[in-house]
Amino acid sequence: MNESRPPTRLDLLRFLERVQVGDLKRTRGWIADEERREAERRRGERARPPVPDWVIEQGLGGRAPVYVHVGGCHMAGKRVRGVARDAARRALAENVDPCPHCRPDTGLGVLD
């Protein structure tokens, strides 16, 4: 008959050490993953083109322009294209509405 002895304090401490080494290895893996994601995010930010100074928001299906915005306006929709200062001023002169939030007409010196 095989009699087993209860684990000693040393046995239990070595077991705890193996568990903690495994936990540390897993945590270091998570840190490495996060460092890779952070580096990728920074690369993406550096590669992103600069925000244009002025944008024109097009209507659905590329229809007539609906708003002129300051570049980076949080209210500008997805259908925008960057334009030069003169094109933004011209659009306002042609009765394209200025965004009521970012007020590009003020920045362009075009007031009613």
PDB file of N, CA and C in Angstrom:
ATOM      1  N   MET A   1       0.818  -1.158   0.000  1.00  0.00           N
ATOM      2  CA  MET A   1       0.000   0.000   0.000  1.00  0.00           C
ATOM      3  C   MET A   1       0.887   1.254   0.000  1.00  0.00           C
ATOM      4  N   ASN A   2       0.495   2.247  -0.828  1.00  0.00           N
ATOM      5  CA  ASN A   2       1.276   3.472  -0.956  1.00  0.00           C
ATOM      6  C   ASN A   2       0.709   4.529  -0.017  1.00  0.00           C
ATOM      7  N   GLU A   3       1.478   4.850   0.941  1.00  0.00           N
ATOM      8  CA  GLU A   3       1.037   5.882   1.876  1.00  0.00           C
ATOM      9  C   GLU A   3       1.567   7.228   1.387  1.00  0.00           C
ATOM     10  N   SER A   4       0.660   8.179   1.243  1.00  0.00           N
ATOM     11  CA  SER A   4       1.106   9.517   0.832  1.00  0.00           C
ATOM     12  C   SER A   4       1.186  10.410   2.058  1.00  0.00           C
ATOM     13  N   ARG A   5       2.165  11.226   2.017  1.00  0.00           N
ATOM     14  CA  ARG A   5       2.350  12.133   3.133  1.00  0.00           C
ATOM     15  C   ARG A   5       1.719  13.472   2.793  1.00  0.00           C
ATOM     16  N   PRO A   6       1.261  14.217   3.746  1.00  0.00           N
ATOM     17  CA  PRO A   6       0.712  15.539   3.464  1.00  0.00           C
ATOM     18  C   PRO A   6       1.839  16.454   2.974  1.00  0.00           C
ATOM     19  N   PRO A   7       1.502  17.430   2.118  1.00  0.00           N
ATOM     20  CA  PRO A   7       2.547  18.332   1.612  1.00  0.00           C
ATOM     21  C   PRO A   7       3.169  19.122   2.761  1.00  0.00           C
ATOM     22  N   THR A   8       4.437  19.333   2.613  1.00  0.00           N
ATOM     23  CA  THR A   8       5.144  20.133   3.617  1.00  0.00           C
ATOM     24  C   THR A   8       4.960  21.613   3.302  1.00  0.00           C
ATOM     25  N   ARG A   9       5.360  22.417   4.207  1.00  0.00           N
ATOM     26  CA  ARG A   9       5.312  23.869   3.992  1.00  0.00           C
ATOM     27  C   ARG A   9       6.171  24.248   2.783  1.00  0.00           C
ATOM     28  N   LEU A  10       7.315  23.601   2.631  1.00  0.00           N
ATOM     29  CA  LEU A  10       8.177  23.864   1.486  1.00  0.00           C
ATOM     30  C   LEU A  10       7.489  23.467   0.184  1.00  0.00           C
ATOM     31  N   ASP A  11       6.805  22.306   0.173  1.00  0.00           N
ATOM     32  CA  ASP A  11       6.053  21.886  -1.021  1.00  0.00           C
ATOM     33  C   ASP A  11       5.013  22.947  -1.397  1.00  0.00           C
ATOM     34  N   LEU A  12       4.297  23.428  -0.416  1.00  0.00           N
ATOM     35  CA  LEU A  12       3.265  24.432  -0.667  1.00  0.00           C
ATOM     36  C   LEU A  12       3.859  25.745  -1.170  1.00  0.00           C
ATOM     37  N   LEU A  13       4.977  26.146  -0.630  1.00  0.00           N
ATOM     38  CA  LEU A  13       5.629  27.374  -1.089  1.00  0.00           C
ATOM     39  C   LEU A  13       6.137  27.239  -2.514  1.00  0.00           C
ATOM     40  N   ARG A  14       6.668  26.066  -2.875  1.00  0.00           N
ATOM     41  CA  ARG A  14       7.137  25.854  -4.261  1.00  0.00           C
ATOM     42  C   ARG A  14       5.947  25.867  -5.233  1.00  0.00           C
ATOM     43  N   PHE A  15       4.821  25.282  -4.802  1.00  0.00           N
ATOM     44  CA  PHE A  15       3.612  25.331  -5.626  1.00  0.00           C
ATOM     45  C   PHE A  15       3.174  26.776  -5.843  1.00  0.00           C
ATOM     46  N   LEU A  16       3.130  27.546  -4.760  1.00  0.00           N
ATOM     47  CA  LEU A  16       2.766  28.961  -4.849  1.00  0.00           C
ATOM     48  C   LEU A  16       3.700  29.712  -5.797  1.00  0.00           C
ATOM     49  N   GLU A  17       4.982  29.392  -5.717  1.00  0.00           N
ATOM     50  CA  GLU A  17       5.958  30.036  -6.595  1.00  0.00           C
ATOM     51  C   GLU A  17       5.644  29.735  -8.058  1.00  0.00           C
ATOM     52  N   ARG A  18       5.314  28.475  -8.391  1.00  0.00           N
ATOM     53  CA  ARG A  18       4.991  28.108  -9.783  1.00  0.00           C
ATOM     54  C   ARG A  18       3.758  28.867 -10.270  1.00  0.00           C
ATOM     55  N   VAL A  19       2.761  28.980  -9.407  1.00  0.00           N
ATOM     56  CA  VAL A  19       1.547  29.718  -9.772  1.00  0.00           C
ATOM     57  C   VAL A  19       1.884  31.183 -10.029  1.00  0.00           C
ATOM     58  N   GLN A  20       2.673  31.787  -9.145  1.00  0.00           N
ATOM     59  CA  GLN A  20       3.005  33.201  -9.293  1.00  0.00           C
ATOM     60  C   GLN A  20       3.886  33.452 -10.510  1.00  0.00           C
ATOM     61  N   VAL A  21       4.801  32.536 -10.818  1.00  0.00           N
ATOM     62  CA  VAL A  21       5.626  32.678 -12.022  1.00  0.00           C
ATOM     63  C   VAL A  21       4.723  32.639 -13.258  1.00  0.00           C
ATOM     64  N   GLY A  22       3.733  31.744 -13.261  1.00  0.00           N
ATOM     65  CA  GLY A  22       2.787  31.693 -14.379  1.00  0.00           C
ATOM     66  C   GLY A  22       1.986  32.975 -14.501  1.00  0.00           C
ATOM     67  N   ASP A  23       1.532  33.495 -13.345  1.00  0.00           N
ATOM     68  CA  ASP A  23       0.789  34.758 -13.359  1.00  0.00           C
ATOM     69  C   ASP A  23       1.654  35.902 -13.877  1.00  0.00           C
ATOM     70  N   LEU A  24       2.906  35.947 -13.449  1.00  0.00           N
ATOM     71  CA  LEU A  24       3.821  37.001 -13.895  1.00  0.00           C
ATOM     72  C   LEU A  24       4.065  36.906 -15.401  1.00  0.00           C
ATOM     73  N   LYS A  25       4.232  35.695 -15.905  1.00  0.00           N
ATOM     74  CA  LYS A  25       4.442  35.506 -17.345  1.00  0.00           C
ATOM     75  C   LYS A  25       3.217  35.996 -18.131  1.00  0.00           C
ATOM     76  N   ARG A  26       2.034  35.656 -17.656  1.00  0.00           N
ATOM     77  CA  ARG A  26       0.801  36.095 -18.324  1.00  0.00           C
ATOM     78  C   ARG A  26       0.684  37.616 -18.270  1.00  0.00           C
ATOM     79  N   THR A  27       0.967  38.224 -17.132  1.00  0.00           N
ATOM     80  CA  THR A  27       0.899  39.681 -16.994  1.00  0.00           C
ATOM     81  C   THR A  27       1.892  40.365 -17.925  1.00  0.00           C
ATOM     82  N   ARG A  28       3.095  39.812 -18.009  1.00  0.00           N
ATOM     83  CA  ARG A  28       4.092  40.392 -18.935  1.00  0.00           C
ATOM     84  C   ARG A  28       3.624  40.287 -20.378  1.00  0.00           C
ATOM     85  N   GLY A  29       2.925  39.223 -20.717  1.00  0.00           N
ATOM     86  CA  GLY A  29       2.350  39.094 -22.065  1.00  0.00           C
ATOM     87  C   GLY A  29       1.307  40.168 -22.328  1.00  0.00           C
ATOM     88  N   TRP A  30       0.457  40.415 -21.333  1.00  0.00           N
ATOM     89  CA  TRP A  30      -0.548  41.479 -21.477  1.00  0.00           C
ATOM     90  C   TRP A  30       0.120  42.833 -21.644  1.00  0.00           C
ATOM     91  N   ILE A  31       1.185  43.074 -20.896  1.00  0.00           N
ATOM     92  CA  ILE A  31       1.913  44.348 -21.012  1.00  0.00           C
ATOM     93  C   ILE A  31       2.509  44.483 -22.407  1.00  0.00           C
ATOM     94  N   ALA A  32       3.110  43.423 -22.922  1.00  0.00           N
ATOM     95  CA  ALA A  32       3.704  43.467 -24.264  1.00  0.00           C
ATOM     96  C   ALA A  32       2.622  43.722 -25.317  1.00  0.00           C
ATOM     97  N   ASP A  33       1.466  43.084 -25.177  1.00  0.00           N
ATOM     98  CA  ASP A  33       0.361  43.317 -26.110  1.00  0.00           C
ATOM     99  C   ASP A  33      -0.084  44.773 -26.079  1.00  0.00           C
ATOM    100  N   GLU A  34      -0.211  45.316 -24.883  1.00  0.00           N
ATOM    101  CA  GLU A  34      -0.642  46.708 -24.748  1.00  0.00           C
ATOM    102  C   GLU A  34       0.398  47.670 -25.315  1.00  0.00           C
ATOM    103  N   GLU A  35       1.678  47.370 -25.115  1.00  0.00           N
ATOM    104  CA  GLU A  35       2.732  48.217 -25.688  1.00  0.00           C
ATOM    105  C   GLU A  35       2.679  48.194 -27.210  1.00  0.00           C
ATOM    106  N   ARG A  36       2.390  47.034 -27.796  1.00  0.00           N
ATOM    107  CA  ARG A  36       2.256  46.951 -29.265  1.00  0.00           C
ATOM    108  C   ARG A  36       1.069  47.774 -29.746  1.00  0.00           C
ATOM    109  N   ARG A  37      -0.077  47.664 -29.051  1.00  0.00           N
ATOM    110  CA  ARG A  37      -1.255  48.438 -29.447  1.00  0.00           C
ATOM    111  C   ARG A  37      -0.990  49.936 -29.333  1.00  0.00           C
ATOM    112  N   GLU A  38      -0.326  50.346 -28.260  1.00  0.00           N
ATOM    113  CA  GLU A  38      -0.026  51.764 -28.062  1.00  0.00           C
ATOM    114  C   GLU A  38       0.921  52.282 -29.151  1.00  0.00           C
ATOM    115  N   ALA A  39       1.919  51.492 -29.508  1.00  0.00           N
ATOM    116  CA  ALA A  39       2.847  51.890 -30.573  1.00  0.00           C
ATOM    117  C   ALA A  39       2.108  52.011 -31.904  1.00  0.00           C
ATOM    118  N   GLU A  40       1.191  51.088 -32.165  1.00  0.00           N
ATOM    119  CA  GLU A  40       0.407  51.139 -33.399  1.00  0.00           C
ATOM    120  C   GLU A  40      -0.488  52.380 -33.413  1.00  0.00           C
ATOM    121  N   ARG A  41      -1.091  52.710 -32.285  1.00  0.00           N
ATOM    122  CA  ARG A  41      -1.931  53.902 -32.200  1.00  0.00           C
ATOM    123  C   ARG A  41      -1.109  55.162 -32.480  1.00  0.00           C
ATOM    124  N   ARG A  42       0.094  55.237 -31.901  1.00  0.00           N
ATOM    125  CA  ARG A  42       0.963  56.404 -32.137  1.00  0.00           C
ATOM    126  C   ARG A  42       1.377  56.494 -33.606  1.00  0.00           C
ATOM    127  N   ARG A  43       1.701  55.334 -34.224  1.00  0.00           N
ATOM    128  CA  ARG A  43       2.052  55.343 -35.658  1.00  0.00           C
ATOM    129  C   ARG A  43       0.882  55.847 -36.486  1.00  0.00           C
ATOM    130  N   GLY A  44      -0.322  55.414 -36.141  1.00  0.00           N
ATOM    131  CA  GLY A  44      -1.515  55.866 -36.851  1.00  0.00           C
ATOM    132  C   GLY A  44      -1.735  57.361 -36.724  1.00  0.00           C
ATOM    133  N   GLU A  45      -1.510  57.889 -35.533  1.00  0.00           N
ATOM    134  CA  GLU A  45      -1.659  59.339 -35.332  1.00  0.00           C
ATOM    135  C   GLU A  45      -0.640  60.117 -36.156  1.00  0.00           C
ATOM    136  N   ARG A  46       0.599  59.623 -36.209  1.00  0.00           N
ATOM    137  CA  ARG A  46       1.633  60.324 -36.992  1.00  0.00           C
ATOM    138  C   ARG A  46       1.340  60.256 -38.486  1.00  0.00           C
ATOM    139  N   ALA A  47       0.720  59.168 -38.950  1.00  0.00           N
ATOM    140  CA  ALA A  47       0.461  58.989 -40.376  1.00  0.00           C
ATOM    141  C   ALA A  47      -0.822  59.695 -40.830  1.00  0.00           C
ATOM    142  N   ARG A  48      -1.650  60.106 -39.864  1.00  0.00           N
ATOM    143  CA  ARG A  48      -2.919  60.738 -40.210  1.00  0.00           C
ATOM    144  C   ARG A  48      -2.652  62.089 -40.869  1.00  0.00           C
ATOM    145  N   PRO A  49      -3.360  62.368 -41.971  1.00  0.00           N
ATOM    146  CA  PRO A  49      -3.153  63.672 -42.611  1.00  0.00           C
ATOM    147  C   PRO A  49      -3.658  64.791 -41.696  1.00  0.00           C
ATOM    148  N   PRO A  50      -3.119  65.989 -41.861  1.00  0.00           N
ATOM    149  CA  PRO A  50      -3.553  67.095 -41.003  1.00  0.00           C
ATOM    150  C   PRO A  50      -5.022  67.443 -41.271  1.00  0.00           C
ATOM    151  N   VAL A  51      -5.686  67.966 -40.262  1.00  0.00           N
ATOM    152  CA  VAL A  51      -7.078  68.398 -40.409  1.00  0.00           C
ATOM    153  C   VAL A  51      -7.081  69.652 -41.272  1.00  0.00           C
ATOM    154  N   PRO A  52      -7.943  69.698 -42.317  1.00  0.00           N
ATOM    155  CA  PRO A  52      -7.991  70.907 -43.143  1.00  0.00           C
ATOM    156  C   PRO A  52      -8.562  72.075 -42.339  1.00  0.00           C
ATOM    157  N   ASP A  53      -8.232  73.276 -42.750  1.00  0.00           N
ATOM    158  CA  ASP A  53      -8.730  74.460 -42.047  1.00  0.00           C
ATOM    159  C   ASP A  53     -10.238  74.631 -42.235  1.00  0.00           C
ATOM    160  N   TRP A  54     -10.725  74.259 -43.416  1.00  0.00           N
ATOM    161  CA  TRP A  54     -12.134  74.449 -43.750  1.00  0.00           C
ATOM    162  C   TRP A  54     -12.637  73.202 -44.477  1.00  0.00           C
ATOM    163  N   VAL A  55     -13.895  72.827 -44.236  1.00  0.00           N
ATOM    164  CA  VAL A  55     -14.493  71.699 -44.950  1.00  0.00           C
ATOM    165  C   VAL A  55     -15.900  72.070 -45.389  1.00  0.00           C
ATOM    166  N   ILE A  56     -16.311  71.435 -46.466  1.00  0.00           N
ATOM    167  CA  ILE A  56     -17.689  71.588 -46.952  1.00  0.00           C
ATOM    168  C   ILE A  56     -18.354  70.233 -46.830  1.00  0.00           C
ATOM    169  N   GLU A  57     -19.517  70.224 -46.197  1.00  0.00           N
ATOM    170  CA  GLU A  57     -20.301  69.000 -46.015  1.00  0.00           C
ATOM    171  C   GLU A  57     -21.274  68.880 -47.176  1.00  0.00           C
ATOM    172  N   GLN A  58     -21.195  67.756 -47.873  1.00  0.00           N
ATOM    173  CA  GLN A  58     -22.068  67.501 -49.019  1.00  0.00           C
ATOM    174  C   GLN A  58     -23.380  66.878 -48.556  1.00  0.00           C
ATOM    175  N   GLY A  59     -24.432  67.071 -49.353  1.00  0.00           N
ATOM    176  CA  GLY A  59     -25.710  66.437 -49.079  1.00  0.00           C
ATOM    177  C   GLY A  59     -25.642  64.949 -49.416  1.00  0.00           C
ATOM    178  N   LEU A  60     -26.715  64.234 -49.153  1.00  0.00           N
ATOM    179  CA  LEU A  60     -26.773  62.802 -49.451  1.00  0.00           C
ATOM    180  C   LEU A  60     -26.553  62.546 -50.936  1.00  0.00           C
ATOM    181  N   GLY A  61     -25.836  61.502 -51.236  1.00  0.00           N
ATOM    182  CA  GLY A  61     -25.581  61.133 -52.630  1.00  0.00           C
ATOM    183  C   GLY A  61     -24.730  62.140 -53.376  1.00  0.00           C
ATOM    184  N   GLY A  62     -23.931  62.935 -52.671  1.00  0.00           N
ATOM    185  CA  GLY A  62     -23.060  63.918 -53.315  1.00  0.00           C
ATOM    186  C   GLY A  62     -23.803  65.125 -53.831  1.00  0.00           C
ATOM    187  N   ARG A  63     -25.023  65.328 -53.332  1.00  0.00           N
ATOM    188  CA  ARG A  63     -25.804  66.488 -53.758  1.00  0.00           C
ATOM    189  C   ARG A  63     -25.130  67.781 -53.331  1.00  0.00           C
ATOM    190  N   ALA A  64     -25.827  68.860 -53.527  1.00  0.00           N
ATOM    191  CA  ALA A  64     -25.296  70.200 -53.242  1.00  0.00           C
ATOM    192  C   ALA A  64     -24.763  70.296 -51.810  1.00  0.00           C
ATOM    193  N   PRO A  65     -23.782  71.154 -51.608  1.00  0.00           N
ATOM    194  CA  PRO A  65     -23.241  71.354 -50.260  1.00  0.00           C
ATOM    195  C   PRO A  65     -24.328  71.834 -49.302  1.00  0.00           C
ATOM    196  N   VAL A  66     -24.245  71.379 -48.056  1.00  0.00           N
ATOM    197  CA  VAL A  66     -25.239  71.796 -47.066  1.00  0.00           C
ATOM    198  C   VAL A  66     -24.654  72.707 -45.999  1.00  0.00           C
ATOM    199  N   TYR A  67     -23.377  72.527 -45.645  1.00  0.00           N
ATOM    200  CA  TYR A  67     -22.751  73.360 -44.616  1.00  0.00           C
ATOM    201  C   TYR A  67     -21.283  73.589 -44.928  1.00  0.00           C
ATOM    202  N   VAL A  68     -20.806  74.738 -44.488  1.00  0.00           N
ATOM    203  CA  VAL A  68     -19.372  75.018 -44.435  1.00  0.00           C
ATOM    204  C   VAL A  68     -18.997  74.902 -42.960  1.00  0.00           C
ATOM    205  N   HIS A  69     -17.901  74.200 -42.673  1.00  0.00           N
ATOM    206  CA  HIS A  69     -17.439  74.002 -41.298  1.00  0.00           C
ATOM    207  C   HIS A  69     -15.991  74.437 -41.159  1.00  0.00           C
ATOM    208  N   VAL A  70     -15.612  74.774 -39.938  1.00  0.00           N
ATOM    209  CA  VAL A  70     -14.206  74.906 -39.595  1.00  0.00           C
ATOM    210  C   VAL A  70     -13.659  73.481 -39.550  1.00  0.00           C
ATOM    211  N   GLY A  71     -12.449  73.257 -40.045  1.00  0.00           N
ATOM    212  CA  GLY A  71     -11.874  71.912 -40.005  1.00  0.00           C
ATOM    213  C   GLY A  71     -11.854  71.363 -38.592  1.00  0.00           C
ATOM    214  N   GLY A  72     -12.242  70.108 -38.425  1.00  0.00           N
ATOM    215  CA  GLY A  72     -12.265  69.473 -37.113  1.00  0.00           C
ATOM    216  C   GLY A  72     -13.550  69.721 -36.339  1.00  0.00           C
ATOM    217  N   CYS A  73     -14.539  70.384 -36.935  1.00  0.00           N
ATOM    218  CA  CYS A  73     -15.813  70.617 -36.256  1.00  0.00           C
ATOM    219  C   CYS A  73     -16.456  69.276 -35.908  1.00  0.00           C
ATOM    220  N   HIS A  74     -16.861  69.131 -34.672  1.00  0.00           N
ATOM    221  CA  HIS A  74     -17.456  67.866 -34.238  1.00  0.00           C
ATOM    222  C   HIS A  74     -18.829  67.618 -34.847  1.00  0.00           C
ATOM    223  N   MET A  75     -19.445  68.627 -35.431  1.00  0.00           N
ATOM    224  CA  MET A  75     -20.769  68.467 -36.032  1.00  0.00           C
ATOM    225  C   MET A  75     -20.694  68.128 -37.521  1.00  0.00           C
ATOM    226  N   ALA A  76     -19.517  68.200 -38.113  1.00  0.00           N
ATOM    227  CA  ALA A  76     -19.380  67.866 -39.535  1.00  0.00           C
ATOM    228  C   ALA A  76     -19.658  66.383 -39.719  1.00  0.00           C
ATOM    229  N   GLY A  77     -20.431  66.061 -40.723  1.00  0.00           N
ATOM    230  CA  GLY A  77     -20.766  64.663 -40.992  1.00  0.00           C
ATOM    231  C   GLY A  77     -19.617  63.944 -41.679  1.00  0.00           C
ATOM    232  N   LYS A  78     -19.930  62.792 -42.231  1.00  0.00           N
ATOM    233  CA  LYS A  78     -18.904  61.972 -42.891  1.00  0.00           C
ATOM    234  C   LYS A  78     -18.668  62.413 -44.340  1.00  0.00           C
ATOM    235  N   ARG A  79     -19.611  63.120 -44.915  1.00  0.00           N
ATOM    236  CA  ARG A  79     -19.496  63.520 -46.318  1.00  0.00           C
ATOM    237  C   ARG A  79     -18.883  64.916 -46.420  1.00  0.00           C
ATOM    238  N   VAL A  80     -17.629  65.035 -46.026  1.00  0.00           N
ATOM    239  CA  VAL A  80     -16.960  66.334 -46.063  1.00  0.00           C
ATOM    240  C   VAL A  80     -15.720  66.257 -46.946  1.00  0.00           C
ATOM    241  N   ARG A  81     -15.350  67.403 -47.448  1.00  0.00           N
ATOM    242  CA  ARG A  81     -14.086  67.506 -48.198  1.00  0.00           C
ATOM    243  C   ARG A  81     -13.414  68.796 -47.780  1.00  0.00           C
ATOM    244  N   GLY A  82     -12.113  68.703 -47.614  1.00  0.00           N
ATOM    245  CA  GLY A  82     -11.346  69.882 -47.250  1.00  0.00           C
ATOM    246  C   GLY A  82     -11.278  70.860 -48.405  1.00  0.00           C
ATOM    247  N   VAL A  83     -11.356  72.142 -48.087  1.00  0.00           N
ATOM    248  CA  VAL A  83     -11.279  73.176 -49.112  1.00  0.00           C
ATOM    249  C   VAL A  83     -10.367  74.293 -48.628  1.00  0.00           C
ATOM    250  N   ALA A  84      -9.904  75.081 -49.572  1.00  0.00           N
ATOM    251  CA  ALA A  84      -9.080  76.254 -49.255  1.00  0.00           C
ATOM    252  C   ALA A  84      -9.975  77.367 -48.711  1.00  0.00           C
ATOM    253  N   ARG A  85      -9.343  78.329 -48.088  1.00  0.00           N
ATOM    254  CA  ARG A  85     -10.068  79.469 -47.502  1.00  0.00           C
ATOM    255  C   ARG A  85     -10.961  80.156 -48.536  1.00  0.00           C
ATOM    256  N   ASP A  86     -10.426  80.404 -49.738  1.00  0.00           N
ATOM    257  CA  ASP A  86     -11.204  81.083 -50.782  1.00  0.00           C
ATOM    258  C   ASP A  86     -12.432  80.279 -51.184  1.00  0.00           C
ATOM    259  N   ALA A  87     -12.298  78.954 -51.277  1.00  0.00           N
ATOM    260  CA  ALA A  87     -13.438  78.107 -51.649  1.00  0.00           C
ATOM    261  C   ALA A  87     -14.500  78.125 -50.553  1.00  0.00           C
ATOM    262  N   ALA A  88     -14.079  78.151 -49.302  1.00  0.00           N
ATOM    263  CA  ALA A  88     -15.038  78.217 -48.196  1.00  0.00           C
ATOM    264  C   ALA A  88     -15.777  79.556 -48.227  1.00  0.00           C
ATOM    265  N   ARG A  89     -15.054  80.639 -48.456  1.00  0.00           N
ATOM    266  CA  ARG A  89     -15.688  81.967 -48.540  1.00  0.00           C
ATOM    267  C   ARG A  89     -16.655  82.028 -49.720  1.00  0.00           C
ATOM    268  N   ARG A  90     -16.250  81.435 -50.846  1.00  0.00           N
ATOM    269  CA  ARG A  90     -17.099  81.419 -52.041  1.00  0.00           C
ATOM    270  C   ARG A  90     -18.387  80.632 -51.774  1.00  0.00           C
ATOM    271  N   ALA A  91     -18.260  79.491 -51.089  1.00  0.00           N
ATOM    272  CA  ALA A  91     -19.445  78.676 -50.776  1.00  0.00           C
ATOM    273  C   ALA A  91     -20.411  79.465 -49.893  1.00  0.00           C
ATOM    274  N   LEU A  92     -19.892  80.178 -48.913  1.00  0.00           N
ATOM    275  CA  LEU A  92     -20.762  80.994 -48.067  1.00  0.00           C
ATOM    276  C   LEU A  92     -21.437  82.096 -48.882  1.00  0.00           C
ATOM    277  N   ALA A  93     -20.691  82.688 -49.811  1.00  0.00           N
ATOM    278  CA  ALA A  93     -21.253  83.743 -50.665  1.00  0.00           C
ATOM    279  C   ALA A  93     -22.323  83.174 -51.592  1.00  0.00           C
ATOM    280  N   GLU A  94     -22.225  81.878 -51.895  1.00  0.00           N
ATOM    281  CA  GLU A  94     -23.203  81.215 -52.767  1.00  0.00           C
ATOM    282  C   GLU A  94     -24.335  80.584 -51.953  1.00  0.00           C
ATOM    283  N   ASN A  95     -24.517  81.060 -50.736  1.00  0.00           N
ATOM    284  CA  ASN A  95     -25.621  80.667 -49.859  1.00  0.00           C
ATOM    285  C   ASN A  95     -25.546  79.245 -49.309  1.00  0.00           C
ATOM    286  N   VAL A  96     -24.348  78.693 -49.182  1.00  0.00           N
ATOM    287  CA  VAL A  96     -24.195  77.458 -48.426  1.00  0.00           C
ATOM    288  C   VAL A  96     -24.176  77.882 -46.967  1.00  0.00           C
ATOM    289  N   ASP A  97     -24.996  77.242 -46.159  1.00  0.00           N
ATOM    290  CA  ASP A  97     -25.125  77.655 -44.751  1.00  0.00           C
ATOM    291  C   ASP A  97     -23.835  77.428 -43.972  1.00  0.00           C
ATOM    292  N   PRO A  98     -23.501  78.378 -43.096  1.00  0.00           N
ATOM    293  CA  PRO A  98     -22.383  78.135 -42.171  1.00  0.00           C
ATOM    294  C   PRO A  98     -22.879  77.229 -41.044  1.00  0.00           C
ATOM    295  N   CYS A  99     -22.031  76.385 -40.544  1.00  0.00           N
ATOM    296  CA  CYS A  99     -22.393  75.531 -39.413  1.00  0.00           C
ATOM    297  C   CYS A  99     -22.722  76.428 -38.224  1.00  0.00           C
ATOM    298  N   PRO A 100     -23.865  76.217 -37.582  1.00  0.00           N
ATOM    299  CA  PRO A 100     -24.216  77.065 -36.442  1.00  0.00           C
ATOM    300  C   PRO A 100     -23.386  76.766 -35.185  1.00  0.00           C
ATOM    301  N   HIS A 101     -22.626  75.677 -35.207  1.00  0.00           N
ATOM    302  CA  HIS A 101     -21.823  75.323 -34.036  1.00  0.00           C
ATOM    303  C   HIS A 101     -20.417  75.907 -34.100  1.00  0.00           C
ATOM    304  N   CYS A 102     -19.739  75.721 -35.244  1.00  0.00           N
ATOM    305  CA  CYS A 102     -18.343  76.178 -35.331  1.00  0.00           C
ATOM    306  C   CYS A 102     -18.222  77.577 -35.935  1.00  0.00           C
ATOM    307  N   ARG A 103     -19.291  78.084 -36.517  1.00  0.00           N
ATOM    308  CA  ARG A 103     -19.351  79.442 -37.060  1.00  0.00           C
ATOM    309  C   ARG A 103     -18.169  79.797 -37.969  1.00  0.00           C
ATOM    310  N   PRO A 104     -18.029  79.104 -39.105  1.00  0.00           N
ATOM    311  CA  PRO A 104     -16.920  79.414 -40.007  1.00  0.00           C
ATOM    312  C   PRO A 104     -17.010  80.812 -40.616  1.00  0.00           C
ATOM    313  N   ASP A 105     -18.227  81.344 -40.707  1.00  0.00           N
ATOM    314  CA  ASP A 105     -18.377  82.693 -41.265  1.00  0.00           C
ATOM    315  C   ASP A 105     -17.635  83.730 -40.431  1.00  0.00           C
ATOM    316  N   THR A 106     -17.585  83.523 -39.131  1.00  0.00           N
ATOM    317  CA  THR A 106     -16.847  84.438 -38.258  1.00  0.00           C
ATOM    318  C   THR A 106     -15.351  84.349 -38.542  1.00  0.00           C
ATOM    319  N   GLY A 107     -14.825  83.128 -38.599  1.00  0.00           N
ATOM    320  CA  GLY A 107     -13.401  82.932 -38.853  1.00  0.00           C
ATOM    321  C   GLY A 107     -12.966  83.389 -40.231  1.00  0.00           C
ATOM    322  N   LEU A 108     -13.911  83.329 -41.184  1.00  0.00           N
ATOM    323  CA  LEU A 108     -13.605  83.738 -42.545  1.00  0.00           C
ATOM    324  C   LEU A 108     -13.886  85.223 -42.772  1.00  0.00           C
ATOM    325  N   GLY A 109     -14.453  85.890 -41.788  1.00  0.00           N
ATOM    326  CA  GLY A 109     -14.762  87.317 -41.941  1.00  0.00           C
ATOM    327  C   GLY A 109     -15.946  87.562 -42.840  1.00  0.00           C
ATOM    328  N   VAL A 110     -16.837  86.580 -42.969  1.00  0.00           N
ATOM    329  CA  VAL A 110     -18.027  86.716 -43.798  1.00  0.00           C
ATOM    330  C   VAL A 110     -19.221  86.723 -42.869  1.00  0.00           C
ATOM    331  N   LEU A 111     -19.751  87.882 -42.609  1.00  0.00           N
ATOM    332  CA  LEU A 111     -20.907  87.996 -41.716  1.00  0.00           C
ATOM    333  C   LEU A 111     -22.066  88.607 -42.479  1.00  0.00           C
ATOM    334  N   ASP A 112     -23.277  88.201 -42.081  1.00  0.00           N
ATOM    335  CA  ASP A 112     -24.480  88.743 -42.745  1.00  0.00           C
ATOM    336  C   ASP A 112     -24.674  90.200 -42.422  1.00  0.00           C
TER     337      ASP A 112
END
